[in-house]
Amino acid sequence: MLRPGGYLAVATSSNHDAGRDPGAETVTRCAQLGLRYWQHVVCLLVPIENGALTTAPAARRTAEPAATRVVHRDLHVFRKPRSTDAGRSSQVRCAA
């Protein structure tokens, strides 16, 4: 159970090929539960070399096309409001 003032971090990955956006669904559902959207963090799964994302050595050995490799996860952070937060806006804000 999340205490007032507590944080919830949810990691999602892109699944747009299936016609859905897990990140947007997570933000919507958490807002419905009364959690406030706090932050979005992009977690890279591949190294950056010479200013560009590269594939990890293990991924280079697969036959999977580069266009379909997952190179990041999205971490969405939410906060359960405290009773002292009642006067503040509960509006969900997302940068597109």
PDB file of N, CA and C in Angstrom:
ATOM      1  N   MET A   1       0.845  -1.168   0.000  1.00  0.00           N
ATOM      2  CA  MET A   1       0.000   0.000   0.000  1.00  0.00           C
ATOM      3  C   MET A   1       0.892   1.234   0.000  1.00  0.00           C
ATOM      4  N   LEU A   2       0.608   2.144  -0.874  1.00  0.00           N
ATOM      5  CA  LEU A   2       1.397   3.362  -1.008  1.00  0.00           C
ATOM      6  C   LEU A   2       0.910   4.396  -0.003  1.00  0.00           C
ATOM      7  N   ARG A   3       1.827   4.895   0.790  1.00  0.00           N
ATOM      8  CA  ARG A   3       1.481   5.897   1.810  1.00  0.00           C
ATOM      9  C   ARG A   3       1.363   7.276   1.172  1.00  0.00           C
ATOM     10  N   PRO A   4       0.605   8.183   1.785  1.00  0.00           N
ATOM     11  CA  PRO A   4       0.540   9.549   1.274  1.00  0.00           C
ATOM     12  C   PRO A   4       1.943  10.154   1.205  1.00  0.00           C
ATOM     13  N   GLY A   5       2.252  10.775   0.068  1.00  0.00           N
ATOM     14  CA  GLY A   5       3.581  11.326  -0.164  1.00  0.00           C
ATOM     15  C   GLY A   5       4.535  10.315  -0.776  1.00  0.00           C
ATOM     16  N   GLY A   6       4.106   9.058  -0.882  1.00  0.00           N
ATOM     17  CA  GLY A   6       4.954   8.003  -1.432  1.00  0.00           C
ATOM     18  C   GLY A   6       4.999   8.040  -2.947  1.00  0.00           C
ATOM     19  N   TYR A   7       6.020   7.412  -3.498  1.00  0.00           N
ATOM     20  CA  TYR A   7       6.231   7.382  -4.943  1.00  0.00           C
ATOM     21  C   TYR A   7       6.026   5.982  -5.495  1.00  0.00           C
ATOM     22  N   LEU A   8       5.521   5.930  -6.711  1.00  0.00           N
ATOM     23  CA  LEU A   8       5.375   4.683  -7.446  1.00  0.00           C
ATOM     24  C   LEU A   8       6.097   4.857  -8.773  1.00  0.00           C
ATOM     25  N   ALA A   9       7.023   3.958  -9.071  1.00  0.00           N
ATOM     26  CA  ALA A   9       7.743   3.996 -10.343  1.00  0.00           C
ATOM     27  C   ALA A   9       7.324   2.778 -11.162  1.00  0.00           C
ATOM     28  N   VAL A  10       6.916   3.023 -12.411  1.00  0.00           N
ATOM     29  CA  VAL A  10       6.435   1.963 -13.292  1.00  0.00           C
ATOM     30  C   VAL A  10       7.251   1.986 -14.579  1.00  0.00           C
ATOM     31  N   ALA A  11       7.887   0.870 -14.899  1.00  0.00           N
ATOM     32  CA  ALA A  11       8.660   0.761 -16.137  1.00  0.00           C
ATOM     33  C   ALA A  11       7.774   0.161 -17.225  1.00  0.00           C
ATOM     34  N   THR A  12       7.775   0.790 -18.400  1.00  0.00           N
ATOM     35  CA  THR A  12       7.022   0.273 -19.538  1.00  0.00           C
ATOM     36  C   THR A  12       7.940   0.259 -20.754  1.00  0.00           C
ATOM     37  N   SER A  13       7.557  -0.497 -21.740  1.00  0.00           N
ATOM     38  CA  SER A  13       8.278  -0.484 -23.008  1.00  0.00           C
ATOM     39  C   SER A  13       7.278  -0.204 -24.114  1.00  0.00           C
ATOM     40  N   SER A  14       7.774   0.304 -25.205  1.00  0.00           N
ATOM     41  CA  SER A  14       6.913   0.657 -26.323  1.00  0.00           C
ATOM     42  C   SER A  14       6.323  -0.597 -26.935  1.00  0.00           C
ATOM     43  N   ASN A  15       5.037  -0.537 -27.211  1.00  0.00           N
ATOM     44  CA  ASN A  15       4.347  -1.660 -27.837  1.00  0.00           C
ATOM     45  C   ASN A  15       3.397  -1.111 -28.893  1.00  0.00           C
ATOM     46  N   HIS A  16       3.877  -0.086 -29.610  1.00  0.00           N
ATOM     47  CA  HIS A  16       3.028   0.573 -30.599  1.00  0.00           C
ATOM     48  C   HIS A  16       2.637  -0.358 -31.736  1.00  0.00           C
ATOM     49  N   ASP A  17       3.438  -1.398 -31.986  1.00  0.00           N
ATOM     50  CA  ASP A  17       3.092  -2.346 -33.049  1.00  0.00           C
ATOM     51  C   ASP A  17       1.778  -3.047 -32.759  1.00  0.00           C
ATOM     52  N   ALA A  18       1.457  -3.192 -31.485  1.00  0.00           N
ATOM     53  CA  ALA A  18       0.212  -3.855 -31.102  1.00  0.00           C
ATOM     54  C   ALA A  18      -0.944  -2.861 -31.030  1.00  0.00           C
ATOM     55  N   GLY A  19      -0.692  -1.607 -31.422  1.00  0.00           N
ATOM     56  CA  GLY A  19      -1.750  -0.613 -31.438  1.00  0.00           C
ATOM     57  C   GLY A  19      -2.083  -0.029 -30.079  1.00  0.00           C
ATOM     58  N   ARG A  20      -1.156  -0.134 -29.139  1.00  0.00           N
ATOM     59  CA  ARG A  20      -1.402   0.431 -27.817  1.00  0.00           C
ATOM     60  C   ARG A  20      -0.147   1.118 -27.306  1.00  0.00           C
ATOM     61  N   ASP A  21      -0.333   2.023 -26.381  1.00  0.00           N
ATOM     62  CA  ASP A  21       0.771   2.765 -25.778  1.00  0.00           C
ATOM     63  C   ASP A  21       0.736   2.511 -24.277  1.00  0.00           C
ATOM     64  N   PRO A  22       1.556   1.578 -23.776  1.00  0.00           N
ATOM     65  CA  PRO A  22       1.517   1.240 -22.350  1.00  0.00           C
ATOM     66  C   PRO A  22       1.812   2.427 -21.437  1.00  0.00           C
ATOM     67  N   GLY A  23       2.662   3.346 -21.882  1.00  0.00           N
ATOM     68  CA  GLY A  23       2.971   4.518 -21.066  1.00  0.00           C
ATOM     69  C   GLY A  23       1.748   5.382 -20.848  1.00  0.00           C
ATOM     70  N   ALA A  24       1.036   5.676 -21.919  1.00  0.00           N
ATOM     71  CA  ALA A  24      -0.176   6.493 -21.818  1.00  0.00           C
ATOM     72  C   ALA A  24      -1.245   5.779 -20.995  1.00  0.00           C
ATOM     73  N   GLU A  25      -1.361   4.475 -21.180  1.00  0.00           N
ATOM     74  CA  GLU A  25      -2.335   3.704 -20.400  1.00  0.00           C
ATOM     75  C   GLU A  25      -1.990   3.750 -18.912  1.00  0.00           C
ATOM     76  N   THR A  26      -0.708   3.651 -18.587  1.00  0.00           N
ATOM     77  CA  THR A  26      -0.264   3.686 -17.197  1.00  0.00           C
ATOM     78  C   THR A  26      -0.559   5.043 -16.572  1.00  0.00           C
ATOM     79  N   VAL A  27      -0.255   6.121 -17.293  1.00  0.00           N
ATOM     80  CA  VAL A  27      -0.523   7.469 -16.787  1.00  0.00           C
ATOM     81  C   VAL A  27      -2.017   7.661 -16.539  1.00  0.00           C
ATOM     82  N   THR A  28      -2.835   7.221 -17.467  1.00  0.00           N
ATOM     83  CA  THR A  28      -4.291   7.354 -17.326  1.00  0.00           C
ATOM     84  C   THR A  28      -4.806   6.569 -16.132  1.00  0.00           C
ATOM     85  N   ARG A  29      -4.372   5.328 -16.002  1.00  0.00           N
ATOM     86  CA  ARG A  29      -4.870   4.487 -14.901  1.00  0.00           C
ATOM     87  C   ARG A  29      -4.416   5.008 -13.541  1.00  0.00           C
ATOM     88  N   CYS A  30      -3.168   5.459 -13.461  1.00  0.00           N
ATOM     89  CA  CYS A  30      -2.687   5.991 -12.185  1.00  0.00           C
ATOM     90  C   CYS A  30      -3.431   7.272 -11.809  1.00  0.00           C
ATOM     91  N   ALA A  31      -3.738   8.110 -12.796  1.00  0.00           N
ATOM     92  CA  ALA A  31      -4.511   9.326 -12.533  1.00  0.00           C
ATOM     93  C   ALA A  31      -5.901   8.958 -12.016  1.00  0.00           C
ATOM     94  N   GLN A  32      -6.491   7.909 -12.583  1.00  0.00           N
ATOM     95  CA  GLN A  32      -7.808   7.454 -12.129  1.00  0.00           C
ATOM     96  C   GLN A  32      -7.764   6.969 -10.680  1.00  0.00           C
ATOM     97  N   LEU A  33      -6.601   6.484 -10.252  1.00  0.00           N
ATOM     98  CA  LEU A  33      -6.430   6.010  -8.876  1.00  0.00           C
ATOM     99  C   LEU A  33      -6.040   7.130  -7.917  1.00  0.00           C
ATOM    100  N   GLY A  34      -5.924   8.348  -8.449  1.00  0.00           N
ATOM    101  CA  GLY A  34      -5.607   9.489  -7.596  1.00  0.00           C
ATOM    102  C   GLY A  34      -4.129   9.786  -7.452  1.00  0.00           C
ATOM    103  N   LEU A  35      -3.299   9.100  -8.224  1.00  0.00           N
ATOM    104  CA  LEU A  35      -1.862   9.367  -8.173  1.00  0.00           C
ATOM    105  C   LEU A  35      -1.521  10.505  -9.110  1.00  0.00           C
ATOM    106  N   ARG A  36      -0.569  11.322  -8.722  1.00  0.00           N
ATOM    107  CA  ARG A  36      -0.154  12.456  -9.551  1.00  0.00           C
ATOM    108  C   ARG A  36       1.077  12.086 -10.361  1.00  0.00           C
ATOM    109  N   TYR A  37       1.041  12.449 -11.625  1.00  0.00           N
ATOM    110  CA  TYR A  37       2.179  12.222 -12.517  1.00  0.00           C
ATOM    111  C   TYR A  37       3.316  13.115 -12.051  1.00  0.00           C
ATOM    112  N   TRP A  38       4.476  12.531 -11.821  1.00  0.00           N
ATOM    113  CA  TRP A  38       5.584  13.267 -11.251  1.00  0.00           C
ATOM    114  C   TRP A  38       6.712  13.463 -12.253  1.00  0.00           C
ATOM    115  N   GLN A  39       7.115  12.377 -12.940  1.00  0.00           N
ATOM    116  CA  GLN A  39       8.275  12.479 -13.814  1.00  0.00           C
ATOM    117  C   GLN A  39       8.309  11.318 -14.810  1.00  0.00           C
ATOM    118  N   HIS A  40       8.931  11.566 -15.950  1.00  0.00           N
ATOM    119  CA  HIS A  40       9.161  10.551 -16.966  1.00  0.00           C
ATOM    120  C   HIS A  40      10.668  10.458 -17.184  1.00  0.00           C
ATOM    121  N   VAL A  41      11.204   9.256 -17.051  1.00  0.00           N
ATOM    122  CA  VAL A  41      12.634   9.032 -17.226  1.00  0.00           C
ATOM    123  C   VAL A  41      12.813   8.014 -18.344  1.00  0.00           C
ATOM    124  N   VAL A  42      13.697   8.315 -19.287  1.00  0.00           N
ATOM    125  CA  VAL A  42      14.019   7.375 -20.362  1.00  0.00           C
ATOM    126  C   VAL A  42      15.249   6.592 -19.915  1.00  0.00           C
ATOM    127  N   CYS A  43      15.108   5.274 -19.828  1.00  0.00           N
ATOM    128  CA  CYS A  43      16.199   4.394 -19.395  1.00  0.00           C
ATOM    129  C   CYS A  43      16.772   3.687 -20.613  1.00  0.00           C
ATOM    130  N   LEU A  44      17.968   4.059 -20.989  1.00  0.00           N
ATOM    131  CA  LEU A  44      18.599   3.456 -22.164  1.00  0.00           C
ATOM    132  C   LEU A  44      19.070   2.042 -21.859  1.00  0.00           C
ATOM    133  N   LEU A  45      18.880   1.150 -22.806  1.00  0.00           N
ATOM    134  CA  LEU A  45      19.305  -0.240 -22.678  1.00  0.00           C
ATOM    135  C   LEU A  45      20.516  -0.539 -23.548  1.00  0.00           C
ATOM    136  N   VAL A  46      20.945   0.438 -24.301  1.00  0.00           N
ATOM    137  CA  VAL A  46      22.104   0.280 -25.176  1.00  0.00           C
ATOM    138  C   VAL A  46      23.073   1.429 -24.907  1.00  0.00           C
ATOM    139  N   PRO A  47      24.348   1.218 -25.178  1.00  0.00           N
ATOM    140  CA  PRO A  47      25.322   2.284 -24.928  1.00  0.00           C
ATOM    141  C   PRO A  47      25.268   3.395 -25.977  1.00  0.00           C
ATOM    142  N   ILE A  48      25.800   4.533 -25.588  1.00  0.00           N
ATOM    143  CA  ILE A  48      25.964   5.648 -26.517  1.00  0.00           C
ATOM    144  C   ILE A  48      27.445   5.691 -26.888  1.00  0.00           C
ATOM    145  N   GLU A  49      27.729   5.613 -28.159  1.00  0.00           N
ATOM    146  CA  GLU A  49      29.110   5.682 -28.648  1.00  0.00           C
ATOM    147  C   GLU A  49      29.182   6.735 -29.737  1.00  0.00           C
ATOM    148  N   ASN A  50      30.108   7.657 -29.594  1.00  0.00           N
ATOM    149  CA  ASN A  50      30.279   8.742 -30.562  1.00  0.00           C
ATOM    150  C   ASN A  50      28.984   9.518 -30.794  1.00  0.00           C
ATOM    151  N   GLY A  51      28.236   9.746 -29.729  1.00  0.00           N
ATOM    152  CA  GLY A  51      27.026  10.545 -29.809  1.00  0.00           C
ATOM    153  C   GLY A  51      25.820   9.844 -30.398  1.00  0.00           C
ATOM    154  N   ALA A  52      25.877   8.534 -30.581  1.00  0.00           N
ATOM    155  CA  ALA A  52      24.749   7.803 -31.166  1.00  0.00           C
ATOM    156  C   ALA A  52      24.470   6.532 -30.361  1.00  0.00           C
ATOM    157  N   LEU A  53      23.200   6.122 -30.363  1.00  0.00           N
ATOM    158  CA  LEU A  53      22.852   4.865 -29.721  1.00  0.00           C
ATOM    159  C   LEU A  53      23.432   3.720 -30.526  1.00  0.00           C
ATOM    160  N   THR A  54      23.967   2.737 -29.842  1.00  0.00           N
ATOM    161  CA  THR A  54      24.510   1.561 -30.521  1.00  0.00           C
ATOM    162  C   THR A  54      23.823   0.328 -29.975  1.00  0.00           C
ATOM    163  N   THR A  55      23.956  -0.765 -30.664  1.00  0.00           N
ATOM    164  CA  THR A  55      23.375  -2.002 -30.158  1.00  0.00           C
ATOM    165  C   THR A  55      24.378  -2.660 -29.228  1.00  0.00           C
ATOM    166  N   ALA A  56      23.852  -3.288 -28.209  1.00  0.00           N
ATOM    167  CA  ALA A  56      24.696  -3.994 -27.252  1.00  0.00           C
ATOM    168  C   ALA A  56      25.317  -5.202 -27.943  1.00  0.00           C
ATOM    169  N   PRO A  57      26.501  -5.657 -27.497  1.00  0.00           N
ATOM    170  CA  PRO A  57      27.155  -6.806 -28.145  1.00  0.00           C
ATOM    171  C   PRO A  57      26.247  -8.024 -28.262  1.00  0.00           C
ATOM    172  N   ALA A  58      25.450  -8.334 -27.237  1.00  0.00           N
ATOM    173  CA  ALA A  58      24.557  -9.497 -27.303  1.00  0.00           C
ATOM    174  C   ALA A  58      23.525  -9.326 -28.406  1.00  0.00           C
ATOM    175  N   ALA A  59      23.024  -8.109 -28.591  1.00  0.00           N
ATOM    176  CA  ALA A  59      22.009  -7.852 -29.614  1.00  0.00           C
ATOM    177  C   ALA A  59      22.599  -7.963 -31.015  1.00  0.00           C
ATOM    178  N   ARG A  60      23.880  -7.680 -31.161  1.00  0.00           N
ATOM    179  CA  ARG A  60      24.509  -7.763 -32.475  1.00  0.00           C
ATOM    180  C   ARG A  60      24.562  -9.196 -32.998  1.00  0.00           C
ATOM    181  N   ARG A  61      24.510 -10.161 -32.070  1.00  0.00           N
ATOM    182  CA  ARG A  61      24.589 -11.564 -32.490  1.00  0.00           C
ATOM    183  C   ARG A  61      23.245 -12.132 -32.906  1.00  0.00           C
ATOM    184  N   THR A  62      22.164 -11.384 -32.726  1.00  0.00           N
ATOM    185  CA  THR A  62      20.838 -11.896 -33.077  1.00  0.00           C
ATOM    186  C   THR A  62      20.516 -11.556 -34.525  1.00  0.00           C
ATOM    187  N   ALA A  63      19.555 -12.265 -35.058  1.00  0.00           N
ATOM    188  CA  ALA A  63      19.116 -12.012 -36.432  1.00  0.00           C
ATOM    189  C   ALA A  63      18.004 -10.971 -36.469  1.00  0.00           C
ATOM    190  N   GLU A  64      17.634 -10.444 -35.309  1.00  0.00           N
ATOM    191  CA  GLU A  64      16.540  -9.475 -35.218  1.00  0.00           C
ATOM    192  C   GLU A  64      16.926  -8.187 -35.943  1.00  0.00           C
ATOM    193  N   PRO A  65      16.067  -7.669 -36.813  1.00  0.00           N
ATOM    194  CA  PRO A  65      16.376  -6.414 -37.512  1.00  0.00           C
ATOM    195  C   PRO A  65      16.563  -5.260 -36.533  1.00  0.00           C
ATOM    196  N   ALA A  66      17.483  -4.364 -36.850  1.00  0.00           N
ATOM    197  CA  ALA A  66      17.796  -3.243 -35.969  1.00  0.00           C
ATOM    198  C   ALA A  66      16.572  -2.375 -35.692  1.00  0.00           C
ATOM    199  N   ALA A  67      15.670  -2.237 -36.649  1.00  0.00           N
ATOM    200  CA  ALA A  67      14.501  -1.368 -36.485  1.00  0.00           C
ATOM    201  C   ALA A  67      13.545  -1.864 -35.406  1.00  0.00           C
ATOM    202  N   THR A  68      13.612  -3.157 -35.048  1.00  0.00           N
ATOM    203  CA  THR A  68      12.673  -3.687 -34.066  1.00  0.00           C
ATOM    204  C   THR A  68      13.297  -3.880 -32.683  1.00  0.00           C
ATOM    205  N   ARG A  69      14.560  -3.581 -32.521  1.00  0.00           N
ATOM    206  CA  ARG A  69      15.200  -3.755 -31.222  1.00  0.00           C
ATOM    207  C   ARG A  69      14.720  -2.709 -30.233  1.00  0.00           C
ATOM    208  N   VAL A  70      14.513  -3.148 -29.012  1.00  0.00           N
ATOM    209  CA  VAL A  70      14.136  -2.232 -27.942  1.00  0.00           C
ATOM    210  C   VAL A  70      15.424  -1.607 -27.410  1.00  0.00           C
ATOM    211  N   VAL A  71      15.515  -0.282 -27.472  1.00  0.00           N
ATOM    212  CA  VAL A  71      16.724   0.403 -27.026  1.00  0.00           C
ATOM    213  C   VAL A  71      16.496   1.213 -25.752  1.00  0.00           C
ATOM    214  N   HIS A  72      15.244   1.289 -25.291  1.00  0.00           N
ATOM    215  CA  HIS A  72      14.970   2.007 -24.055  1.00  0.00           C
ATOM    216  C   HIS A  72      13.695   1.491 -23.390  1.00  0.00           C
ATOM    217  N   ARG A  73      13.566   1.829 -22.139  1.00  0.00           N
ATOM    218  CA  ARG A  73      12.348   1.608 -21.376  1.00  0.00           C
ATOM    219  C   ARG A  73      11.932   2.969 -20.841  1.00  0.00           C
ATOM    220  N   ASP A  74      10.654   3.143 -20.636  1.00  0.00           N
ATOM    221  CA  ASP A  74      10.142   4.365 -20.041  1.00  0.00           C
ATOM    222  C   ASP A  74       9.848   4.101 -18.571  1.00  0.00           C
ATOM    223  N   LEU A  75      10.325   4.991 -17.730  1.00  0.00           N
ATOM    224  CA  LEU A  75      10.037   4.900 -16.306  1.00  0.00           C
ATOM    225  C   LEU A  75       9.140   6.077 -15.959  1.00  0.00           C
ATOM    226  N   HIS A  76       7.914   5.776 -15.548  1.00  0.00           N
ATOM    227  CA  HIS A  76       6.948   6.808 -15.172  1.00  0.00           C
ATOM    228  C   HIS A  76       6.864   6.821 -13.652  1.00  0.00           C
ATOM    229  N   VAL A  77       7.024   8.008 -13.085  1.00  0.00           N
ATOM    230  CA  VAL A  77       7.015   8.143 -11.627  1.00  0.00           C
ATOM    231  C   VAL A  77       5.757   8.906 -11.216  1.00  0.00           C
ATOM    232  N   PHE A  78       5.078   8.372 -10.225  1.00  0.00           N
ATOM    233  CA  PHE A  78       3.846   8.955  -9.715  1.00  0.00           C
ATOM    234  C   PHE A  78       3.994   9.171  -8.218  1.00  0.00           C
ATOM    235  N   ARG A  79       3.195  10.086  -7.681  1.00  0.00           N
ATOM    236  CA  ARG A  79       3.230  10.370  -6.250  1.00  0.00           C
ATOM    237  C   ARG A  79       1.809  10.365  -5.713  1.00  0.00           C
ATOM    238  N   LYS A  80       1.649   9.723  -4.578  1.00  0.00           N
ATOM    239  CA  LYS A  80       0.347   9.743  -3.915  1.00  0.00           C
ATOM    240  C   LYS A  80       0.271  11.031  -3.102  1.00  0.00           C
ATOM    241  N   PRO A  81      -0.740  11.864  -3.357  1.00  0.00           N
ATOM    242  CA  PRO A  81      -0.825  13.150  -2.656  1.00  0.00           C
ATOM    243  C   PRO A  81      -0.982  12.983  -1.146  1.00  0.00           C
ATOM    244  N   ARG A  82      -0.430  13.932  -0.429  1.00  0.00           N
ATOM    245  CA  ARG A  82      -0.655  14.039   1.012  1.00  0.00           C
ATOM    246  C   ARG A  82      -1.912  14.866   1.204  1.00  0.00           C
ATOM    247  N   SER A  83      -2.454  14.829   2.376  1.00  0.00           N
ATOM    248  CA  SER A  83      -3.654  15.641   2.641  1.00  0.00           C
ATOM    249  C   SER A  83      -3.326  17.127   2.514  1.00  0.00           C
ATOM    250  N   THR A  84      -2.067  17.522   2.718  1.00  0.00           N
ATOM    251  CA  THR A  84      -1.661  18.916   2.585  1.00  0.00           C
ATOM    252  C   THR A  84      -1.552  19.343   1.127  1.00  0.00           C
ATOM    253  N   ASP A  85      -1.580  18.379   0.198  1.00  0.00           N
ATOM    254  CA  ASP A  85      -1.507  18.668  -1.239  1.00  0.00           C
ATOM    255  C   ASP A  85      -2.883  18.928  -1.843  1.00  0.00           C
ATOM    256  N   ALA A  86      -3.933  18.906  -1.032  1.00  0.00           N
ATOM    257  CA  ALA A  86      -5.306  18.962  -1.539  1.00  0.00           C
ATOM    258  C   ALA A  86      -5.592  20.193  -2.392  1.00  0.00           C
ATOM    259  N   GLY A  87      -4.989  21.329  -2.089  1.00  0.00           N
ATOM    260  CA  GLY A  87      -5.259  22.545  -2.841  1.00  0.00           C
ATOM    261  C   GLY A  87      -4.506  22.646  -4.148  1.00  0.00           C
ATOM    262  N   ARG A  88      -3.556  21.772  -4.377  1.00  0.00           N
ATOM    263  CA  ARG A  88      -2.753  21.826  -5.595  1.00  0.00           C
ATOM    264  C   ARG A  88      -3.456  21.134  -6.745  1.00  0.00           C
ATOM    265  N   SER A  89      -3.091  21.491  -7.943  1.00  0.00           N
ATOM    266  CA  SER A  89      -3.705  20.926  -9.141  1.00  0.00           C
ATOM    267  C   SER A  89      -3.401  19.442  -9.248  1.00  0.00           C
ATOM    268  N   SER A  90      -4.395  18.649  -9.567  1.00  0.00           N
ATOM    269  CA  SER A  90      -4.197  17.211  -9.787  1.00  0.00           C
ATOM    270  C   SER A  90      -4.197  16.881 -11.260  1.00  0.00           C
ATOM    271  N   GLN A  91      -4.064  17.920 -12.086  1.00  0.00           N
ATOM    272  CA  GLN A  91      -4.095  17.739 -13.531  1.00  0.00           C
ATOM    273  C   GLN A  91      -2.853  16.978 -13.997  1.00  0.00           C
ATOM    274  N   VAL A  92      -3.049  15.996 -14.848  1.00  0.00           N
ATOM    275  CA  VAL A  92      -1.945  15.215 -15.401  1.00  0.00           C
ATOM    276  C   VAL A  92      -1.345  15.972 -16.550  1.00  0.00           C
ATOM    277  N   ARG A  93      -0.030  16.141 -16.520  1.00  0.00           N
ATOM    278  CA  ARG A  93       0.657  16.849 -17.599  1.00  0.00           C
ATOM    279  C   ARG A  93       1.693  15.939 -18.198  1.00  0.00           C
ATOM    280  N   CYS A  94       1.640  15.755 -19.499  1.00  0.00           N
ATOM    281  CA  CYS A  94       2.605  14.930 -20.217  1.00  0.00           C
ATOM    282  C   CYS A  94       3.194  15.735 -21.347  1.00  0.00           C
ATOM    283  N   ALA A  95       4.493  15.625 -21.504  1.00  0.00           N
ATOM    284  CA  ALA A  95       5.135  16.265 -22.662  1.00  0.00           C
ATOM    285  C   ALA A  95       5.109  15.278 -23.812  1.00  0.00           C
ATOM    286  N   ALA A  96       4.649  15.719 -24.945  1.00  0.00           N
ATOM    287  CA  ALA A  96       4.569  14.814 -26.101  1.00  0.00           C
ATOM    288  C   ALA A  96       5.843  14.855 -26.887  1.00  0.00           C
TER     289      ALA A  96
END
